[in-house]
Amino acid sequence: MNSNKVLITSFSEYLKNLKNYSEHTVKSYTRDIIKFFEFPNTKDLNIANIDNGLIKIYISSLHRKGMSPKTLKRNLSSLRSFFEFLEENKHIDRNPTYQIATPKVNKKLPEILQYEDILSIVKYLEDKIANSKSKNIYVRDLAIFELFYSCGLRVSELTSLNMDSIDYYSGTLRVIGKGKKERVVPIGSKAISAVKTWVASRSSILQNSNALFITENGNRISNRSIQHRLNLHAKASGVEQKLYPHKLRHTVATHLLESSGNIRAVQEFLGHENISTTQVYTQLDNQYLMKIYEKSHPRAKKG
């Protein structure tokens, strides 16, 4: 296992430094590979002796333990990436994961907010700004919410924004997405106004960083803090479902697709590498259309 440990460490460094995968993804993939080499059939086995049949036995054993199709799919993806890395670096002659079918995952359609929910949260935050002693924090939270809804950001993309990420003249935002890929997205006028108000308030806080969004101590705000604050505001404003940053991203994507019908533009806007990731929103769009049709078309109702 010692030689395998060296290979696993090299693989982790490759994912982090060359593939630019997130820390979470690197940890998940590395954990999957370590677990594979703890399997009785692979323990102390030379890497060159691992074949297609052994991979199938391992995946089947995970399935028998009740592992979900989604997690099975990720485990197989981890193994594929690991053995591709070994093949490219001449540690093995052939990737043993070739021709192994990926477990089918029934895609659960993402939940979204209705536009009325968006307005309720905005109104709640505006009221808090007008009537609260802790005005600065609510000014910041409104800017965060408006920017999320305007630009469909991932939470990590939002927390990594700096003061110079926004070009107010062109009304655009420079975002560093997955794999450290940069994209430029437009910002709506409401979001620009909210951010400008926050930047003016921000100057009164002790600042320890160039981060756009900071805490009362002047430090860059964390992903966890944003998740907590968003859900807190949603509950307080009367929104009946739990709110988390990615739900806002789903909401933006769906609302854009409903109004434009341009899936390629939405793909570029969200920074999706593969259009299949964006296509889930066409299903949401179709569901929405069916609900409207059944509710309003005079010949759609039963009875």
Protein backbone atom coordinates (compact mmCIF):
# COMPACT_ATOMS: atom_id res chain seq x y z
CA MET A 1 0.00 0.00 0.00
CA ASN A 2 3.00 2.33 0.53
CA SER A 3 3.67 2.68 -3.22
CA ASN A 4 -0.05 3.24 -3.76
CA LYS A 5 -0.01 6.01 -1.14
CA VAL A 6 2.66 7.82 -3.15
CA LEU A 7 0.54 7.54 -6.29
CA ILE A 8 -2.58 8.75 -4.46
CA THR A 9 -0.66 11.77 -3.13
CA SER A 10 0.62 12.56 -6.64
CA PHE A 11 -2.93 12.22 -7.98
CA SER A 12 -4.28 14.65 -5.34
CA GLU A 13 -1.60 17.21 -6.22
CA TYR A 14 -2.42 16.77 -9.92
CA LEU A 15 -6.14 17.46 -9.30
CA LYS A 16 -5.37 20.51 -7.20
CA ASN A 17 -2.50 22.13 -9.12
CA LEU A 18 -3.03 21.10 -12.74
CA LYS A 19 -6.77 20.42 -12.99
CA ASN A 20 -7.61 23.28 -10.60
CA TYR A 21 -10.32 21.24 -8.87
CA SER A 22 -11.88 22.67 -5.73
CA GLU A 23 -10.60 21.56 -2.33
CA HIS A 24 -13.91 19.75 -1.72
CA THR A 25 -13.63 17.77 -4.99
CA VAL A 26 -9.97 16.87 -4.37
CA LYS A 27 -10.84 15.56 -0.90
CA SER A 28 -13.81 13.55 -2.21
CA TYR A 29 -11.82 11.94 -5.05
CA THR A 30 -8.86 11.18 -2.78
CA ARG A 31 -11.14 9.66 -0.14
CA ASP A 32 -12.78 7.45 -2.79
CA ILE A 33 -9.40 6.16 -4.00
CA ILE A 34 -8.17 5.43 -0.46
CA LYS A 35 -11.40 3.53 0.24
CA PHE A 36 -10.87 1.49 -2.95
CA PHE A 37 -7.43 0.35 -1.75
CA GLU A 38 -8.91 -0.64 1.62
CA PHE A 39 -11.20 -3.12 -0.18
CA PRO A 40 -10.06 -6.70 0.74
CA ASN A 41 -9.62 -7.71 -2.93
CA THR A 42 -7.34 -4.75 -3.67
CA LYS A 43 -5.42 -4.47 -0.40
CA ASP A 44 -1.66 -4.92 -1.00
CA LEU A 45 -2.36 -5.61 -4.69
CA ASN A 46 0.11 -4.30 -7.25
CA ILE A 47 -1.42 -1.44 -9.21
CA ALA A 48 -0.63 -3.16 -12.53
CA ASN A 49 -2.76 -6.20 -11.55
CA ILE A 50 -6.01 -4.28 -11.12
CA ASP A 51 -8.32 -5.14 -13.98
CA ASN A 52 -11.79 -4.37 -15.29
CA GLY A 53 -13.38 -7.30 -13.41
CA LEU A 54 -12.00 -6.16 -10.06
CA ILE A 55 -13.39 -2.64 -10.54
CA LYS A 56 -16.83 -4.15 -11.29
CA ILE A 57 -16.64 -6.32 -8.15
CA TYR A 58 -15.78 -3.25 -6.07
CA ILE A 59 -18.62 -1.11 -7.51
CA SER A 60 -21.05 -4.04 -6.99
CA SER A 61 -19.97 -4.31 -3.35
CA LEU A 62 -20.74 -0.61 -2.81
CA HIS A 63 -24.13 -1.12 -4.45
CA ARG A 64 -24.92 -4.06 -2.14
CA LYS A 65 -24.11 -1.86 0.86
CA GLY A 66 -26.92 0.47 -0.25
CA MET A 67 -24.84 3.27 -1.74
CA SER A 68 -26.98 5.65 -3.80
CA PRO A 69 -26.58 5.75 -7.60
CA LYS A 70 -25.27 9.32 -7.33
CA THR A 71 -22.49 8.31 -4.91
CA LEU A 72 -21.72 5.19 -6.97
CA LYS A 73 -21.35 7.43 -10.02
CA ARG A 74 -18.93 9.71 -8.17
CA ASN A 75 -16.86 6.73 -6.93
CA LEU A 76 -16.55 5.42 -10.47
CA SER A 77 -15.66 8.91 -11.71
CA SER A 78 -12.93 9.10 -9.05
CA LEU A 79 -11.51 5.74 -10.12
CA ARG A 80 -11.66 6.71 -13.81
CA SER A 81 -9.75 9.92 -13.17
CA PHE A 82 -7.18 8.12 -11.01
CA PHE A 83 -6.46 5.40 -13.56
CA GLU A 84 -6.41 7.93 -16.43
CA PHE A 85 -3.74 9.78 -14.45
CA LEU A 86 -1.77 6.54 -13.97
CA GLU A 87 -2.07 5.64 -17.65
CA GLU A 88 -0.94 9.10 -18.81
CA ASN A 89 2.09 8.86 -16.51
CA LYS A 90 3.00 5.32 -17.69
CA HIS A 91 2.33 3.61 -14.34
CA ILE A 92 -0.13 1.22 -16.05
CA ASP A 93 -0.64 0.12 -19.67
CA ARG A 94 -4.42 0.41 -19.80
CA ASN A 95 -7.15 2.08 -17.77
CA PRO A 96 -9.16 -0.78 -16.15
CA THR A 97 -12.28 1.40 -15.83
CA TYR A 98 -12.86 1.47 -19.61
CA GLN A 99 -16.20 0.01 -20.76
CA ILE A 100 -17.70 0.03 -17.25
CA ALA A 101 -21.20 1.50 -17.47
CA THR A 102 -21.86 4.54 -15.31
CA PRO A 103 -24.77 3.96 -12.87
CA LYS A 104 -27.88 5.83 -13.98
CA VAL A 105 -28.93 8.65 -11.67
CA ASN A 106 -32.49 9.87 -11.62
CA LYS A 107 -32.03 13.60 -11.72
CA LYS A 108 -33.98 15.42 -9.08
CA LEU A 109 -35.18 18.71 -10.47
CA PRO A 110 -33.84 21.65 -8.45
CA GLU A 111 -36.24 23.72 -6.37
CA ILE A 112 -36.61 27.39 -7.22
CA LEU A 113 -38.14 30.54 -5.75
CA GLN A 114 -41.03 32.35 -7.39
CA TYR A 115 -40.52 35.99 -8.34
CA GLU A 116 -42.95 36.95 -5.54
CA ASP A 117 -40.53 35.33 -3.06
CA ILE A 118 -37.68 37.46 -4.45
CA LEU A 119 -39.73 40.62 -3.95
CA SER A 120 -40.69 39.58 -0.38
CA ILE A 121 -37.05 39.12 0.63
CA VAL A 122 -36.01 42.43 -0.96
CA LYS A 123 -38.84 44.29 0.79
CA TYR A 124 -37.94 42.70 4.14
CA LEU A 125 -34.29 43.76 3.81
CA GLU A 126 -35.25 47.28 2.70
CA ASP A 127 -37.49 47.59 5.76
CA LYS A 128 -34.66 46.41 8.03
CA ILE A 129 -32.32 49.00 6.48
CA ALA A 130 -34.88 51.74 7.11
CA ASN A 131 -35.68 50.71 10.71
CA SER A 132 -32.70 48.82 12.15
CA LYS A 133 -29.77 50.12 14.18
CA SER A 134 -27.54 47.49 12.49
CA LYS A 135 -28.15 49.17 9.13
CA ASN A 136 -24.75 48.35 7.57
CA ILE A 137 -25.20 44.58 7.86
CA TYR A 138 -28.60 44.67 6.14
CA VAL A 139 -27.21 46.97 3.44
CA ARG A 140 -24.52 44.33 2.85
CA ASP A 141 -27.02 41.46 2.86
CA LEU A 142 -29.28 43.22 0.36
CA ALA A 143 -26.29 43.77 -1.94
CA ILE A 144 -25.38 40.08 -1.61
CA PHE A 145 -28.94 38.98 -2.37
CA GLU A 146 -29.33 41.33 -5.35
CA LEU A 147 -25.97 40.23 -6.77
CA PHE A 148 -26.87 36.54 -6.36
CA TYR A 149 -30.18 37.01 -8.14
CA SER A 150 -28.74 39.31 -10.81
CA CYS A 151 -25.72 37.20 -11.73
CA GLY A 152 -26.60 33.59 -10.77
CA LEU A 153 -23.35 33.16 -8.86
CA ARG A 154 -22.08 30.18 -6.91
CA VAL A 155 -21.52 31.07 -3.25
CA SER A 156 -17.74 30.54 -3.58
CA GLU A 157 -17.73 32.92 -6.56
CA LEU A 158 -19.50 35.59 -4.53
CA THR A 159 -17.28 35.33 -1.44
CA SER A 160 -14.14 35.56 -3.60
CA LEU A 161 -15.21 38.87 -5.19
CA ASN A 162 -12.89 41.82 -4.60
CA MET A 163 -13.48 45.56 -4.74
CA ASP A 164 -12.15 45.69 -8.31
CA SER A 165 -14.29 42.77 -9.56
CA ILE A 166 -17.08 45.13 -10.64
CA ASP A 167 -16.86 47.48 -13.58
CA TYR A 168 -19.58 50.03 -12.81
CA TYR A 169 -19.08 51.83 -16.13
CA SER A 170 -19.85 48.77 -18.28
CA GLY A 171 -22.19 47.19 -15.71
CA THR A 172 -20.27 43.90 -15.64
CA LEU A 173 -18.80 41.57 -13.04
CA ARG A 174 -15.59 39.57 -13.40
CA VAL A 175 -16.10 36.15 -11.82
CA ILE A 176 -13.56 33.42 -11.07
CA GLY A 177 -15.51 30.16 -11.40
CA LYS A 178 -14.77 26.43 -11.21
CA GLY A 179 -11.29 25.45 -12.32
CA LYS A 180 -10.25 29.10 -11.82
CA LYS A 181 -11.93 29.96 -15.13
CA GLU A 182 -12.80 33.61 -15.51
CA ARG A 183 -16.05 34.86 -17.03
CA VAL A 184 -17.63 38.28 -17.32
CA VAL A 185 -21.36 38.59 -16.61
CA PRO A 186 -23.75 41.55 -16.79
CA ILE A 187 -25.18 43.07 -13.60
CA GLY A 188 -28.70 44.47 -13.36
CA SER A 189 -29.28 48.08 -12.31
CA LYS A 190 -30.90 47.05 -8.98
CA ALA A 191 -27.82 45.01 -8.04
CA ILE A 192 -25.43 47.80 -9.06
CA SER A 193 -27.36 50.29 -6.93
CA ALA A 194 -27.38 47.91 -3.92
CA VAL A 195 -23.64 47.23 -4.24
CA LYS A 196 -22.80 50.94 -4.52
CA THR A 197 -24.78 51.61 -1.34
CA TRP A 198 -22.92 48.79 0.41
CA VAL A 199 -19.50 50.04 -0.76
CA ALA A 200 -20.31 53.47 0.72
CA SER A 201 -21.30 51.81 4.04
CA ARG A 202 -18.32 49.45 3.95
CA SER A 203 -15.89 52.34 4.39
CA SER A 204 -17.08 52.76 8.00
CA ILE A 205 -15.98 49.21 8.91
CA LEU A 206 -12.43 48.32 9.98
CA GLN A 207 -11.07 46.63 6.86
CA ASN A 208 -8.49 43.86 6.81
CA SER A 209 -8.89 42.82 3.18
CA ASN A 210 -9.76 43.88 -0.36
CA ALA A 211 -12.82 41.62 -0.25
CA LEU A 212 -16.04 43.16 -1.57
CA PHE A 213 -18.17 41.58 1.16
CA ILE A 214 -16.78 41.66 4.68
CA THR A 215 -17.93 40.98 8.23
CA GLU A 216 -18.26 43.54 11.00
CA ASN A 217 -14.64 42.68 11.93
CA GLY A 218 -13.45 43.56 8.43
CA ASN A 219 -12.69 40.00 7.33
CA ARG A 220 -13.88 38.39 4.10
CA ILE A 221 -17.34 36.91 4.66
CA SER A 222 -17.49 33.09 4.59
CA ASN A 223 -19.69 30.75 2.53
CA ARG A 224 -21.28 29.42 5.72
CA SER A 225 -22.14 32.90 6.97
CA ILE A 226 -23.88 33.78 3.70
CA GLN A 227 -25.84 30.51 3.74
CA HIS A 228 -27.00 31.25 7.28
CA ARG A 229 -27.94 34.87 6.57
CA LEU A 230 -29.90 34.08 3.41
CA ASN A 231 -31.99 31.41 5.09
CA LEU A 232 -32.58 33.70 8.08
CA HIS A 233 -33.91 36.48 5.85
CA ALA A 234 -36.07 34.10 3.81
CA LYS A 235 -37.77 32.79 6.96
CA ALA A 236 -38.26 36.28 8.37
CA SER A 237 -39.79 37.52 5.11
CA GLY A 238 -42.36 34.70 5.05
CA VAL A 239 -40.84 32.53 2.30
CA GLU A 240 -42.04 29.01 3.05
CA GLN A 241 -39.06 27.08 1.71
CA LYS A 242 -35.47 26.90 2.90
CA LEU A 243 -33.20 29.26 1.01
CA TYR A 244 -29.60 28.47 0.17
CA PRO A 245 -27.28 30.14 -2.37
CA HIS A 246 -27.53 27.43 -5.02
CA LYS A 247 -31.32 27.65 -4.96
CA LEU A 248 -30.94 31.29 -6.00
CA ARG A 249 -28.65 30.15 -8.83
CA HIS A 250 -31.29 27.64 -9.95
CA THR A 251 -33.93 30.37 -9.73
CA VAL A 252 -31.94 32.81 -11.89
CA ALA A 253 -31.26 30.13 -14.51
CA THR A 254 -34.93 29.14 -14.71
CA HIS A 255 -36.20 32.72 -14.87
CA LEU A 256 -33.69 33.56 -17.62
CA LEU A 257 -34.64 30.50 -19.63
CA GLU A 258 -38.34 31.23 -19.23
CA SER A 259 -37.91 34.73 -20.63
CA SER A 260 -35.23 34.14 -23.30
CA GLY A 261 -35.42 30.47 -24.33
CA ASN A 262 -31.69 30.73 -25.16
CA ILE A 263 -30.03 27.76 -23.46
CA ARG A 264 -26.56 28.53 -24.88
CA ALA A 265 -26.62 32.04 -23.44
CA VAL A 266 -27.74 30.70 -20.05
CA GLN A 267 -24.94 28.09 -20.17
CA GLU A 268 -22.33 30.80 -20.76
CA PHE A 269 -23.89 33.07 -18.14
CA LEU A 270 -23.73 30.37 -15.45
CA GLY A 271 -20.26 29.17 -16.44
CA HIS A 272 -21.37 25.58 -17.13
CA GLU A 273 -18.69 23.64 -18.98
CA ASN A 274 -21.21 21.12 -20.31
CA ILE A 275 -24.59 22.10 -21.74
CA SER A 276 -26.18 18.97 -20.21
CA THR A 277 -25.81 20.70 -16.83
CA THR A 278 -27.87 23.61 -18.13
CA GLN A 279 -30.50 21.40 -19.79
CA VAL A 280 -32.07 20.48 -16.43
CA TYR A 281 -33.56 23.97 -16.45
CA THR A 282 -35.44 23.25 -19.67
CA GLN A 283 -37.29 20.54 -17.72
CA LEU A 284 -38.14 23.07 -15.01
CA ASP A 285 -39.27 25.48 -17.73
CA ASN A 286 -41.51 22.80 -19.23
CA GLN A 287 -42.99 21.99 -15.80
CA TYR A 288 -43.74 25.67 -15.25
CA LEU A 289 -45.35 25.93 -18.70
CA MET A 290 -47.57 22.90 -17.99
CA LYS A 291 -48.72 24.38 -14.67
CA ILE A 292 -49.64 27.69 -16.34
CA TYR A 293 -51.37 25.84 -19.19
CA GLU A 294 -53.44 23.64 -16.90
CA LYS A 295 -54.38 26.62 -14.76
CA SER A 296 -55.31 29.05 -17.52
CA HIS A 297 -56.22 27.24 -20.76
CA PRO A 298 -60.02 26.91 -21.07
CA ARG A 299 -59.79 23.45 -22.66
CA ALA A 300 -57.10 22.03 -20.35
CA LYS A 301 -59.19 21.50 -17.21
CA LYS A 302 -60.74 18.13 -16.52
CA GLY A 303 -64.39 17.67 -15.76
